[in-house]
Amino acid sequence: MAKKSSKRLKRWSKHVNETSNALDLERSVFKKSSAKEIARSLKRSAEHSTRRKTKPFQSAMSMLSFYINRAGKNLPEKQKDTLERAKDELRGLYHREKS
């Protein structure tokens, strides 16, 4: 079985973000240094999106998880910690408890 090239994998996730009923995200939102800024941006995007098919909280959390999972081991530990804290911030913005 032939290995898929990393270029093809990158195109797959880009294709998902561009064509699925995902959110229209602010540019470089996941590279921000503040978990609060990331959470606020995702909330804004989720609430203003015309492409989502579920509630804003679920859409925003799904995009954040999707990014963390796709970046995988290439994601620096500091940025991963910031993104994980952004999940908690997002829960707080929507008055949700961690399950």
C-alpha atoms as a PDB file:
ATOM      1  CA  MET A   1       0.000   0.000   0.000  1.00  0.00           C
ATOM      2  CA  ALA A   2       1.465   3.345  -1.024  1.00  0.00           C
ATOM      3  CA  LYS A   3       1.902   6.137   1.500  1.00  0.00           C
ATOM      4  CA  LYS A   4      -0.140   9.274   0.994  1.00  0.00           C
ATOM      5  CA  SER A   5       1.975  12.355   0.636  1.00  0.00           C
ATOM      6  CA  SER A   6       1.781  15.039   3.305  1.00  0.00           C
ATOM      7  CA  LYS A   7       0.802  17.501   0.572  1.00  0.00           C
ATOM      8  CA  ARG A   8      -2.308  15.450  -0.142  1.00  0.00           C
ATOM      9  CA  LEU A   9      -3.195  15.304   3.553  1.00  0.00           C
ATOM     10  CA  LYS A  10      -2.832  19.069   3.851  1.00  0.00           C
ATOM     11  CA  ARG A  11      -5.152  19.532   0.924  1.00  0.00           C
ATOM     12  CA  TRP A  12      -7.701  17.223   2.547  1.00  0.00           C
ATOM     13  CA  SER A  13      -8.013  19.327   5.710  1.00  0.00           C
ATOM     14  CA  LYS A  14      -7.997  22.538   3.676  1.00  0.00           C
ATOM     15  CA  HIS A  15     -10.778  21.108   1.516  1.00  0.00           C
ATOM     16  CA  VAL A  16     -12.799  20.226   4.640  1.00  0.00           C
ATOM     17  CA  ASN A  17     -12.463  23.766   5.991  1.00  0.00           C
ATOM     18  CA  GLU A  18     -13.394  25.386   2.689  1.00  0.00           C
ATOM     19  CA  THR A  19     -16.282  23.219   1.543  1.00  0.00           C
ATOM     20  CA  SER A  20     -17.920  21.700   4.591  1.00  0.00           C
ATOM     21  CA  ASN A  21     -20.557  23.409   6.636  1.00  0.00           C
ATOM     22  CA  ALA A  22     -17.828  24.686   8.879  1.00  0.00           C
ATOM     23  CA  LEU A  23     -17.376  28.166  10.212  1.00  0.00           C
ATOM     24  CA  ASP A  24     -15.919  31.129   8.391  1.00  0.00           C
ATOM     25  CA  LEU A  25     -13.013  31.761  10.743  1.00  0.00           C
ATOM     26  CA  GLU A  26     -10.920  34.845  11.365  1.00  0.00           C
ATOM     27  CA  ARG A  27      -7.513  34.514   9.708  1.00  0.00           C
ATOM     28  CA  SER A  28      -4.854  32.918  11.975  1.00  0.00           C
ATOM     29  CA  VAL A  29      -7.306  32.548  14.851  1.00  0.00           C
ATOM     30  CA  PHE A  30      -5.571  29.424  16.164  1.00  0.00           C
ATOM     31  CA  LYS A  31      -2.183  31.153  16.262  1.00  0.00           C
ATOM     32  CA  LYS A  32      -3.242  33.819  18.751  1.00  0.00           C
ATOM     33  CA  SER A  33      -1.362  33.751  22.043  1.00  0.00           C
ATOM     34  CA  SER A  34      -4.402  34.295  24.264  1.00  0.00           C
ATOM     35  CA  ALA A  35      -6.948  31.559  24.963  1.00  0.00           C
ATOM     36  CA  LYS A  36      -9.581  34.243  25.617  1.00  0.00           C
ATOM     37  CA  GLU A  37      -8.982  35.854  22.213  1.00  0.00           C
ATOM     38  CA  ILE A  38      -9.262  32.490  20.464  1.00  0.00           C
ATOM     39  CA  ALA A  39     -12.492  31.637  22.290  1.00  0.00           C
ATOM     40  CA  ARG A  40     -14.054  35.043  21.595  1.00  0.00           C
ATOM     41  CA  SER A  41     -13.151  34.836  17.919  1.00  0.00           C
ATOM     42  CA  LEU A  42     -14.617  31.343  17.596  1.00  0.00           C
ATOM     43  CA  LYS A  43     -17.792  32.453  19.364  1.00  0.00           C
ATOM     44  CA  ARG A  44     -18.144  35.451  17.043  1.00  0.00           C
ATOM     45  CA  SER A  45     -17.593  33.249  13.984  1.00  0.00           C
ATOM     46  CA  ALA A  46     -20.055  30.615  15.174  1.00  0.00           C
ATOM     47  CA  GLU A  47     -22.787  33.111  15.922  1.00  0.00           C
ATOM     48  CA  HIS A  48     -22.434  34.932  12.597  1.00  0.00           C
ATOM     49  CA  SER A  49     -21.917  31.921  10.350  1.00  0.00           C
ATOM     50  CA  THR A  50     -24.532  31.055   7.763  1.00  0.00           C
ATOM     51  CA  ARG A  51     -22.798  27.736   6.979  1.00  0.00           C
ATOM     52  CA  ARG A  52     -23.159  25.919  10.292  1.00  0.00           C
ATOM     53  CA  LYS A  53     -25.783  23.224  10.776  1.00  0.00           C
ATOM     54  CA  THR A  54     -25.722  22.994  14.555  1.00  0.00           C
ATOM     55  CA  LYS A  55     -25.738  25.328  17.540  1.00  0.00           C
ATOM     56  CA  PRO A  56     -22.953  27.917  17.807  1.00  0.00           C
ATOM     57  CA  PHE A  57     -21.255  26.327  20.833  1.00  0.00           C
ATOM     58  CA  GLN A  58     -21.013  22.916  19.191  1.00  0.00           C
ATOM     59  CA  SER A  59     -19.738  24.403  15.923  1.00  0.00           C
ATOM     60  CA  ALA A  60     -17.066  26.473  17.649  1.00  0.00           C
ATOM     61  CA  MET A  61     -15.895  23.591  19.840  1.00  0.00           C
ATOM     62  CA  SER A  62     -15.819  21.253  16.842  1.00  0.00           C
ATOM     63  CA  MET A  63     -13.595  23.601  14.849  1.00  0.00           C
ATOM     64  CA  LEU A  64     -11.220  23.986  17.788  1.00  0.00           C
ATOM     65  CA  SER A  65     -11.002  20.218  18.286  1.00  0.00           C
ATOM     66  CA  PHE A  66     -10.597  19.672  14.543  1.00  0.00           C
ATOM     67  CA  TYR A  67      -7.625  22.038  14.473  1.00  0.00           C
ATOM     68  CA  ILE A  68      -5.964  20.443  17.513  1.00  0.00           C
ATOM     69  CA  ASN A  69      -6.435  16.954  16.092  1.00  0.00           C
ATOM     70  CA  ARG A  70      -5.202  17.848  12.587  1.00  0.00           C
ATOM     71  CA  ALA A  71      -2.111  19.646  13.889  1.00  0.00           C
ATOM     72  CA  GLY A  72      -1.245  16.632  16.038  1.00  0.00           C
ATOM     73  CA  LYS A  73       2.367  16.223  17.021  1.00  0.00           C
ATOM     74  CA  ASN A  74       3.413  19.192  14.866  1.00  0.00           C
ATOM     75  CA  LEU A  75       1.682  21.550  17.286  1.00  0.00           C
ATOM     76  CA  PRO A  76       4.110  23.139  19.768  1.00  0.00           C
ATOM     77  CA  GLU A  77       3.319  22.264  23.393  1.00  0.00           C
ATOM     78  CA  LYS A  78       2.817  25.922  24.356  1.00  0.00           C
ATOM     79  CA  GLN A  79       0.274  26.457  21.578  1.00  0.00           C
ATOM     80  CA  LYS A  80      -1.499  23.195  22.392  1.00  0.00           C
ATOM     81  CA  ASP A  81      -1.852  24.337  26.018  1.00  0.00           C
ATOM     82  CA  THR A  82      -3.275  27.658  24.831  1.00  0.00           C
ATOM     83  CA  LEU A  83      -5.793  25.874  22.589  1.00  0.00           C
ATOM     84  CA  GLU A  84      -6.827  23.530  25.395  1.00  0.00           C
ATOM     85  CA  ARG A  85      -7.386  26.552  27.656  1.00  0.00           C
ATOM     86  CA  ALA A  86      -9.424  28.102  24.833  1.00  0.00           C
ATOM     87  CA  LYS A  87     -11.817  25.161  25.127  1.00  0.00           C
ATOM     88  CA  ASP A  88     -12.408  26.071  28.779  1.00  0.00           C
ATOM     89  CA  GLU A  89     -12.828  29.745  27.854  1.00  0.00           C
ATOM     90  CA  LEU A  90     -15.343  28.797  25.171  1.00  0.00           C
ATOM     91  CA  ARG A  91     -17.315  26.729  27.672  1.00  0.00           C
ATOM     92  CA  GLY A  92     -17.341  29.732  29.985  1.00  0.00           C
ATOM     93  CA  LEU A  93     -18.594  32.068  27.250  1.00  0.00           C
ATOM     94  CA  TYR A  94     -21.510  29.707  26.635  1.00  0.00           C
ATOM     95  CA  HIS A  95     -22.075  28.943  30.338  1.00  0.00           C
ATOM     96  CA  ARG A  96     -21.312  25.260  29.859  1.00  0.00           C
ATOM     97  CA  GLU A  97     -19.601  22.903  32.266  1.00  0.00           C
ATOM     98  CA  LYS A  98     -16.769  20.574  31.318  1.00  0.00           C
ATOM     99  CA  SER A  99     -18.197  17.099  30.809  1.00  0.00           C
END
